[in-house]
């Protein structure tokens, strides 16, 4: 299974997936921080400043931008599989389809883990 995950890494090495995820996280955090600053007086009156800042920045980064950019990366991965005729190679390979799908899924989880750290 580790070999299949490494093969996914090699196939996606030049797709800039991690950079796309990091830019999305920074963009989401900046948007959440901007919204916090715009509504700061409301949060001061309710005494929820730090909780609001944390919630606003994490909401946009992890709930909106992360799934959107993961979808873009997965779509790019599928496009590469279709363009390079890798699906035909997968069909005739001795590896089970469930292992291939699991390796793709684990690679995306690895990207998400790096992004969250």
N, C-alpha and C. Protein backbone atom coordinates (compact mmCIF):
# COMPACT_ATOMS: atom_id res chain seq x y z
N UNK A 1 0.82 -1.19 0.00
CA UNK A 1 0.00 0.00 0.00
C UNK A 1 0.87 1.26 0.00
N UNK A 2 1.99 1.21 0.70
CA UNK A 2 2.89 2.38 0.72
C UNK A 2 3.46 2.66 -0.67
N UNK A 3 3.71 1.61 -1.43
CA UNK A 3 4.19 1.81 -2.80
C UNK A 3 3.15 2.51 -3.66
N UNK A 4 1.88 2.16 -3.46
CA UNK A 4 0.82 2.81 -4.23
C UNK A 4 0.67 4.28 -3.84
N UNK A 5 0.79 4.57 -2.56
CA UNK A 5 0.72 5.97 -2.11
C UNK A 5 1.90 6.75 -2.66
N UNK A 6 3.07 6.13 -2.67
CA UNK A 6 4.24 6.80 -3.24
C UNK A 6 4.06 7.03 -4.75
N UNK A 7 3.43 6.08 -5.42
CA UNK A 7 3.15 6.26 -6.85
C UNK A 7 2.18 7.43 -7.07
N UNK A 8 1.21 7.57 -6.18
CA UNK A 8 0.30 8.73 -6.27
C UNK A 8 1.07 10.03 -6.05
N UNK A 9 1.99 10.01 -5.13
CA UNK A 9 2.82 11.19 -4.89
C UNK A 9 3.63 11.54 -6.15
N UNK A 10 4.22 10.54 -6.77
CA UNK A 10 5.01 10.79 -7.97
C UNK A 10 4.14 11.31 -9.12
N UNK A 11 2.92 10.76 -9.24
CA UNK A 11 2.04 11.22 -10.31
C UNK A 11 1.59 12.66 -10.10
N UNK A 12 1.44 13.05 -8.84
CA UNK A 12 0.92 14.38 -8.53
C UNK A 12 1.99 15.36 -8.07
N UNK A 13 3.24 14.99 -8.25
CA UNK A 13 4.33 15.83 -7.75
C UNK A 13 4.36 17.20 -8.42
N UNK A 14 4.05 17.27 -9.67
CA UNK A 14 4.14 18.53 -10.40
C UNK A 14 2.81 19.26 -10.54
N UNK A 15 1.80 18.86 -9.79
CA UNK A 15 0.49 19.49 -9.92
C UNK A 15 0.29 20.65 -8.94
N UNK A 16 1.21 20.91 -8.09
CA UNK A 16 1.18 22.03 -7.14
C UNK A 16 0.01 21.91 -6.17
N UNK A 17 -0.35 20.70 -5.81
CA UNK A 17 -1.51 20.49 -4.95
C UNK A 17 -1.36 21.10 -3.58
N UNK A 18 -0.22 20.90 -2.95
CA UNK A 18 -0.03 21.43 -1.60
C UNK A 18 0.02 22.95 -1.60
N UNK A 19 0.57 23.53 -2.65
CA UNK A 19 0.62 25.00 -2.74
C UNK A 19 -0.79 25.55 -2.91
N UNK A 20 -1.62 24.87 -3.70
CA UNK A 20 -3.01 25.29 -3.87
C UNK A 20 -3.73 25.24 -2.54
N UNK A 21 -3.53 24.18 -1.77
CA UNK A 21 -4.19 24.07 -0.47
C UNK A 21 -3.71 25.13 0.50
N UNK A 22 -2.41 25.40 0.50
CA UNK A 22 -1.89 26.42 1.42
C UNK A 22 -2.39 27.81 1.05
N UNK A 23 -2.45 28.11 -0.24
CA UNK A 23 -2.99 29.41 -0.67
C UNK A 23 -4.46 29.51 -0.27
N UNK A 24 -5.22 28.44 -0.42
CA UNK A 24 -6.62 28.45 -0.01
C UNK A 24 -6.78 28.66 1.48
N UNK A 25 -5.92 28.05 2.27
CA UNK A 25 -5.99 28.24 3.72
C UNK A 25 -5.64 29.66 4.13
N UNK A 26 -4.61 30.21 3.51
CA UNK A 26 -4.23 31.59 3.81
C UNK A 26 -5.33 32.55 3.36
N UNK A 27 -5.88 32.32 2.19
CA UNK A 27 -6.96 33.16 1.68
C UNK A 27 -8.18 33.10 2.60
N UNK A 28 -8.55 31.90 3.04
CA UNK A 28 -9.67 31.75 3.96
C UNK A 28 -9.42 32.41 5.30
N UNK A 29 -8.21 32.27 5.82
CA UNK A 29 -7.87 32.92 7.09
C UNK A 29 -7.90 34.44 6.97
N UNK A 30 -7.40 34.96 5.85
CA UNK A 30 -7.42 36.41 5.65
C UNK A 30 -8.85 36.92 5.51
N UNK A 31 -9.69 36.19 4.80
CA UNK A 31 -11.08 36.60 4.65
C UNK A 31 -11.81 36.58 5.99
N UNK A 32 -11.59 35.53 6.78
CA UNK A 32 -12.20 35.46 8.10
C UNK A 32 -11.71 36.56 9.02
N UNK A 33 -10.43 36.86 8.96
CA UNK A 33 -9.88 37.95 9.77
C UNK A 33 -10.44 39.29 9.33
N UNK A 34 -10.59 39.48 8.03
CA UNK A 34 -11.18 40.73 7.52
C UNK A 34 -12.62 40.89 8.01
N UNK A 35 -13.40 39.82 7.99
CA UNK A 35 -14.77 39.89 8.48
C UNK A 35 -14.81 40.15 9.98
N UNK A 36 -13.86 39.59 10.71
CA UNK A 36 -13.79 39.87 12.14
C UNK A 36 -13.50 41.34 12.40
N UNK A 37 -12.54 41.90 11.67
CA UNK A 37 -12.19 43.30 11.85
C UNK A 37 -13.37 44.20 11.47
N UNK A 38 -14.11 43.82 10.43
CA UNK A 38 -15.26 44.62 10.01
C UNK A 38 -16.36 44.61 11.06
N UNK A 39 -16.49 43.55 11.83
CA UNK A 39 -17.54 43.42 12.85
C UNK A 39 -16.99 43.42 14.26
N UNK A 40 -15.85 44.01 14.46
CA UNK A 40 -15.16 43.93 15.75
C UNK A 40 -15.98 44.54 16.88
N UNK A 41 -16.68 45.62 16.63
CA UNK A 41 -17.45 46.27 17.69
C UNK A 41 -18.55 45.36 18.25
N UNK A 42 -19.15 44.56 17.40
CA UNK A 42 -20.18 43.63 17.86
C UNK A 42 -19.57 42.58 18.77
N UNK A 43 -18.40 42.09 18.41
CA UNK A 43 -17.74 41.06 19.21
C UNK A 43 -17.22 41.62 20.53
N UNK A 44 -16.83 42.90 20.54
CA UNK A 44 -16.37 43.52 21.78
C UNK A 44 -17.53 43.64 22.77
N UNK A 45 -18.69 44.01 22.27
CA UNK A 45 -19.85 44.14 23.14
C UNK A 45 -20.28 42.80 23.73
N UNK A 46 -20.10 41.74 22.99
CA UNK A 46 -20.50 40.40 23.46
C UNK A 46 -19.38 39.68 24.20
N UNK A 47 -18.22 40.28 24.31
CA UNK A 47 -17.05 39.70 24.98
C UNK A 47 -16.66 38.34 24.37
N UNK A 48 -16.71 38.25 23.05
CA UNK A 48 -16.35 37.00 22.37
C UNK A 48 -15.29 37.28 21.31
N UNK A 49 -14.32 38.11 21.62
CA UNK A 49 -13.36 38.55 20.60
C UNK A 49 -12.51 37.40 20.07
N UNK A 50 -11.80 36.70 20.93
CA UNK A 50 -10.88 35.67 20.47
C UNK A 50 -11.61 34.48 19.89
N UNK A 51 -12.73 34.14 20.51
CA UNK A 51 -13.53 33.05 19.97
C UNK A 51 -14.08 33.40 18.59
N UNK A 52 -14.49 34.63 18.41
CA UNK A 52 -15.00 35.07 17.11
C UNK A 52 -13.90 35.09 16.06
N UNK A 53 -12.74 35.58 16.42
CA UNK A 53 -11.62 35.61 15.46
C UNK A 53 -11.23 34.21 15.05
N UNK A 54 -11.12 33.32 16.01
CA UNK A 54 -10.77 31.94 15.71
C UNK A 54 -11.85 31.28 14.86
N UNK A 55 -13.11 31.50 15.21
CA UNK A 55 -14.20 30.88 14.48
C UNK A 55 -14.34 31.41 13.07
N UNK A 56 -14.22 32.73 12.90
CA UNK A 56 -14.35 33.32 11.57
C UNK A 56 -13.23 32.85 10.65
N UNK A 57 -12.01 32.87 11.12
CA UNK A 57 -10.89 32.48 10.25
C UNK A 57 -10.92 31.00 9.94
N UNK A 58 -11.26 30.17 10.92
CA UNK A 58 -11.30 28.73 10.66
C UNK A 58 -12.51 28.33 9.82
N UNK A 59 -13.60 29.06 9.94
CA UNK A 59 -14.78 28.73 9.15
C UNK A 59 -14.48 28.82 7.67
N UNK A 60 -13.89 29.91 7.26
CA UNK A 60 -13.63 30.08 5.83
C UNK A 60 -12.49 29.18 5.36
N UNK A 61 -11.47 29.01 6.18
CA UNK A 61 -10.33 28.21 5.75
C UNK A 61 -10.68 26.73 5.65
N UNK A 62 -11.34 26.19 6.67
CA UNK A 62 -11.53 24.73 6.70
C UNK A 62 -12.89 24.27 6.18
N UNK A 63 -13.90 25.09 6.26
CA UNK A 63 -15.23 24.65 5.85
C UNK A 63 -15.59 25.05 4.42
N UNK A 64 -14.96 26.08 3.90
CA UNK A 64 -15.33 26.56 2.57
C UNK A 64 -14.20 26.33 1.57
N UNK A 65 -13.02 26.86 1.85
CA UNK A 65 -11.95 26.81 0.87
C UNK A 65 -11.27 25.45 0.79
N UNK A 66 -11.08 24.77 1.90
CA UNK A 66 -10.41 23.47 1.87
C UNK A 66 -11.18 22.44 1.03
N UNK A 67 -12.48 22.24 1.22
CA UNK A 67 -13.18 21.27 0.35
C UNK A 67 -13.18 21.70 -1.12
N UNK A 68 -13.28 23.00 -1.35
CA UNK A 68 -13.30 23.47 -2.73
C UNK A 68 -11.97 23.18 -3.43
N UNK A 69 -10.87 23.48 -2.77
CA UNK A 69 -9.57 23.25 -3.38
C UNK A 69 -9.22 21.76 -3.42
N UNK A 70 -9.68 20.97 -2.46
CA UNK A 70 -9.49 19.52 -2.56
C UNK A 70 -10.24 18.96 -3.76
N UNK A 71 -11.42 19.48 -4.02
CA UNK A 71 -12.16 19.07 -5.22
C UNK A 71 -11.42 19.41 -6.50
N UNK A 72 -10.79 20.57 -6.53
CA UNK A 72 -10.00 20.96 -7.70
C UNK A 72 -8.82 20.02 -7.88
N UNK A 73 -8.15 19.70 -6.80
CA UNK A 73 -6.98 18.80 -6.88
C UNK A 73 -7.40 17.41 -7.31
N UNK A 74 -8.50 16.90 -6.77
CA UNK A 74 -8.98 15.57 -7.16
C UNK A 74 -9.42 15.56 -8.62
N UNK A 75 -10.08 16.63 -9.05
CA UNK A 75 -10.47 16.74 -10.46
C UNK A 75 -9.26 16.77 -11.38
N UNK A 76 -8.22 17.47 -10.97
CA UNK A 76 -6.97 17.51 -11.74
C UNK A 76 -6.33 16.13 -11.78
N UNK A 77 -6.41 15.41 -10.69
CA UNK A 77 -5.86 14.06 -10.63
C UNK A 77 -6.59 13.14 -11.60
N UNK A 78 -7.91 13.22 -11.60
CA UNK A 78 -8.70 12.39 -12.52
C UNK A 78 -8.42 12.78 -13.97
N UNK A 79 -8.28 14.09 -14.22
CA UNK A 79 -7.97 14.55 -15.59
C UNK A 79 -6.64 13.98 -16.06
N UNK A 80 -5.64 13.97 -15.18
CA UNK A 80 -4.35 13.40 -15.55
C UNK A 80 -4.45 11.91 -15.82
N UNK A 81 -5.26 11.22 -15.05
CA UNK A 81 -5.45 9.78 -15.27
C UNK A 81 -6.10 9.53 -16.64
N UNK A 82 -7.05 10.36 -17.00
CA UNK A 82 -7.73 10.18 -18.28
C UNK A 82 -6.86 10.58 -19.46
N UNK A 83 -6.13 11.69 -19.34
CA UNK A 83 -5.31 12.19 -20.45
C UNK A 83 -4.12 11.29 -20.76
N UNK A 84 -3.54 10.70 -19.77
CA UNK A 84 -2.33 9.90 -19.97
C UNK A 84 -2.62 8.42 -20.18
N UNK A 85 -3.89 8.06 -20.38
CA UNK A 85 -4.30 6.66 -20.55
C UNK A 85 -3.88 5.77 -19.39
N UNK A 86 -3.79 6.35 -18.20
CA UNK A 86 -3.43 5.56 -17.04
C UNK A 86 -4.55 4.62 -16.61
N UNK A 87 -5.78 4.95 -16.95
CA UNK A 87 -6.88 4.06 -16.60
C UNK A 87 -6.76 2.72 -17.32
N UNK A 88 -6.28 2.74 -18.55
CA UNK A 88 -6.05 1.47 -19.27
C UNK A 88 -4.94 0.66 -18.61
N UNK A 89 -3.92 1.35 -18.14
CA UNK A 89 -2.83 0.66 -17.43
C UNK A 89 -3.31 0.10 -16.10
N UNK A 90 -4.21 0.82 -15.44
CA UNK A 90 -4.74 0.35 -14.16
C UNK A 90 -5.57 -0.91 -14.36
N UNK A 91 -6.33 -0.94 -15.43
CA UNK A 91 -7.20 -2.10 -15.69
C UNK A 91 -6.38 -3.37 -15.86
N UNK A 92 -5.24 -3.29 -16.53
CA UNK A 92 -4.44 -4.49 -16.78
C UNK A 92 -3.39 -4.75 -15.70
N UNK A 93 -3.30 -3.88 -14.71
CA UNK A 93 -2.29 -4.09 -13.66
C UNK A 93 -2.78 -5.15 -12.68
N UNK A 94 -1.85 -5.80 -11.99
CA UNK A 94 -2.24 -6.86 -11.05
C UNK A 94 -2.74 -6.32 -9.71
N UNK A 95 -2.81 -5.01 -9.56
CA UNK A 95 -3.24 -4.41 -8.30
C UNK A 95 -4.77 -4.33 -8.30
N UNK A 96 -5.36 -4.60 -7.14
CA UNK A 96 -6.81 -4.53 -7.01
C UNK A 96 -7.28 -3.09 -7.10
N UNK A 97 -8.46 -2.92 -7.65
CA UNK A 97 -9.04 -1.58 -7.81
C UNK A 97 -9.28 -0.94 -6.44
N UNK A 98 -9.68 -1.73 -5.47
CA UNK A 98 -9.91 -1.17 -4.13
C UNK A 98 -8.63 -0.61 -3.53
N UNK A 99 -7.50 -1.26 -3.79
CA UNK A 99 -6.23 -0.75 -3.28
C UNK A 99 -5.85 0.56 -3.97
N UNK A 100 -6.14 0.66 -5.26
CA UNK A 100 -5.84 1.90 -5.98
C UNK A 100 -6.68 3.06 -5.48
N UNK A 101 -7.96 2.80 -5.28
CA UNK A 101 -8.84 3.85 -4.78
C UNK A 101 -8.43 4.24 -3.37
N UNK A 102 -8.07 3.26 -2.56
CA UNK A 102 -7.64 3.54 -1.19
C UNK A 102 -6.35 4.35 -1.18
N UNK A 103 -5.43 4.07 -2.09
CA UNK A 103 -4.18 4.83 -2.13
C UNK A 103 -4.43 6.27 -2.55
N UNK A 104 -5.34 6.49 -3.49
CA UNK A 104 -5.69 7.86 -3.88
C UNK A 104 -6.32 8.60 -2.71
N UNK A 105 -7.21 7.93 -2.00
CA UNK A 105 -7.87 8.53 -0.86
C UNK A 105 -6.87 8.86 0.25
N UNK A 106 -5.97 7.95 0.54
CA UNK A 106 -4.97 8.19 1.58
C UNK A 106 -4.00 9.30 1.20
N UNK A 107 -3.69 9.42 -0.08
CA UNK A 107 -2.83 10.52 -0.52
C UNK A 107 -3.52 11.86 -0.31
N UNK A 108 -4.81 11.93 -0.61
CA UNK A 108 -5.55 13.18 -0.39
C UNK A 108 -5.66 13.48 1.10
N UNK A 109 -5.81 12.47 1.92
CA UNK A 109 -5.83 12.68 3.38
C UNK A 109 -4.47 13.20 3.83
N UNK A 110 -3.40 12.68 3.25
CA UNK A 110 -2.05 13.15 3.58
C UNK A 110 -1.90 14.63 3.22
N UNK A 111 -2.39 15.04 2.05
CA UNK A 111 -2.34 16.45 1.67
C UNK A 111 -3.14 17.31 2.64
N UNK A 112 -4.32 16.83 3.02
CA UNK A 112 -5.14 17.58 3.96
C UNK A 112 -4.48 17.67 5.34
N UNK A 113 -3.82 16.61 5.75
CA UNK A 113 -3.11 16.62 7.03
C UNK A 113 -1.99 17.64 7.03
N UNK A 114 -1.22 17.68 5.95
CA UNK A 114 -0.16 18.67 5.84
C UNK A 114 -0.74 20.07 5.86
N UNK A 115 -1.85 20.26 5.20
CA UNK A 115 -2.50 21.57 5.18
C UNK A 115 -2.99 21.97 6.57
N UNK A 116 -3.56 21.04 7.31
CA UNK A 116 -4.08 21.37 8.62
C UNK A 116 -2.97 21.64 9.65
N UNK A 117 -1.85 20.99 9.46
CA UNK A 117 -0.71 21.23 10.38
C UNK A 117 -0.15 22.60 10.11
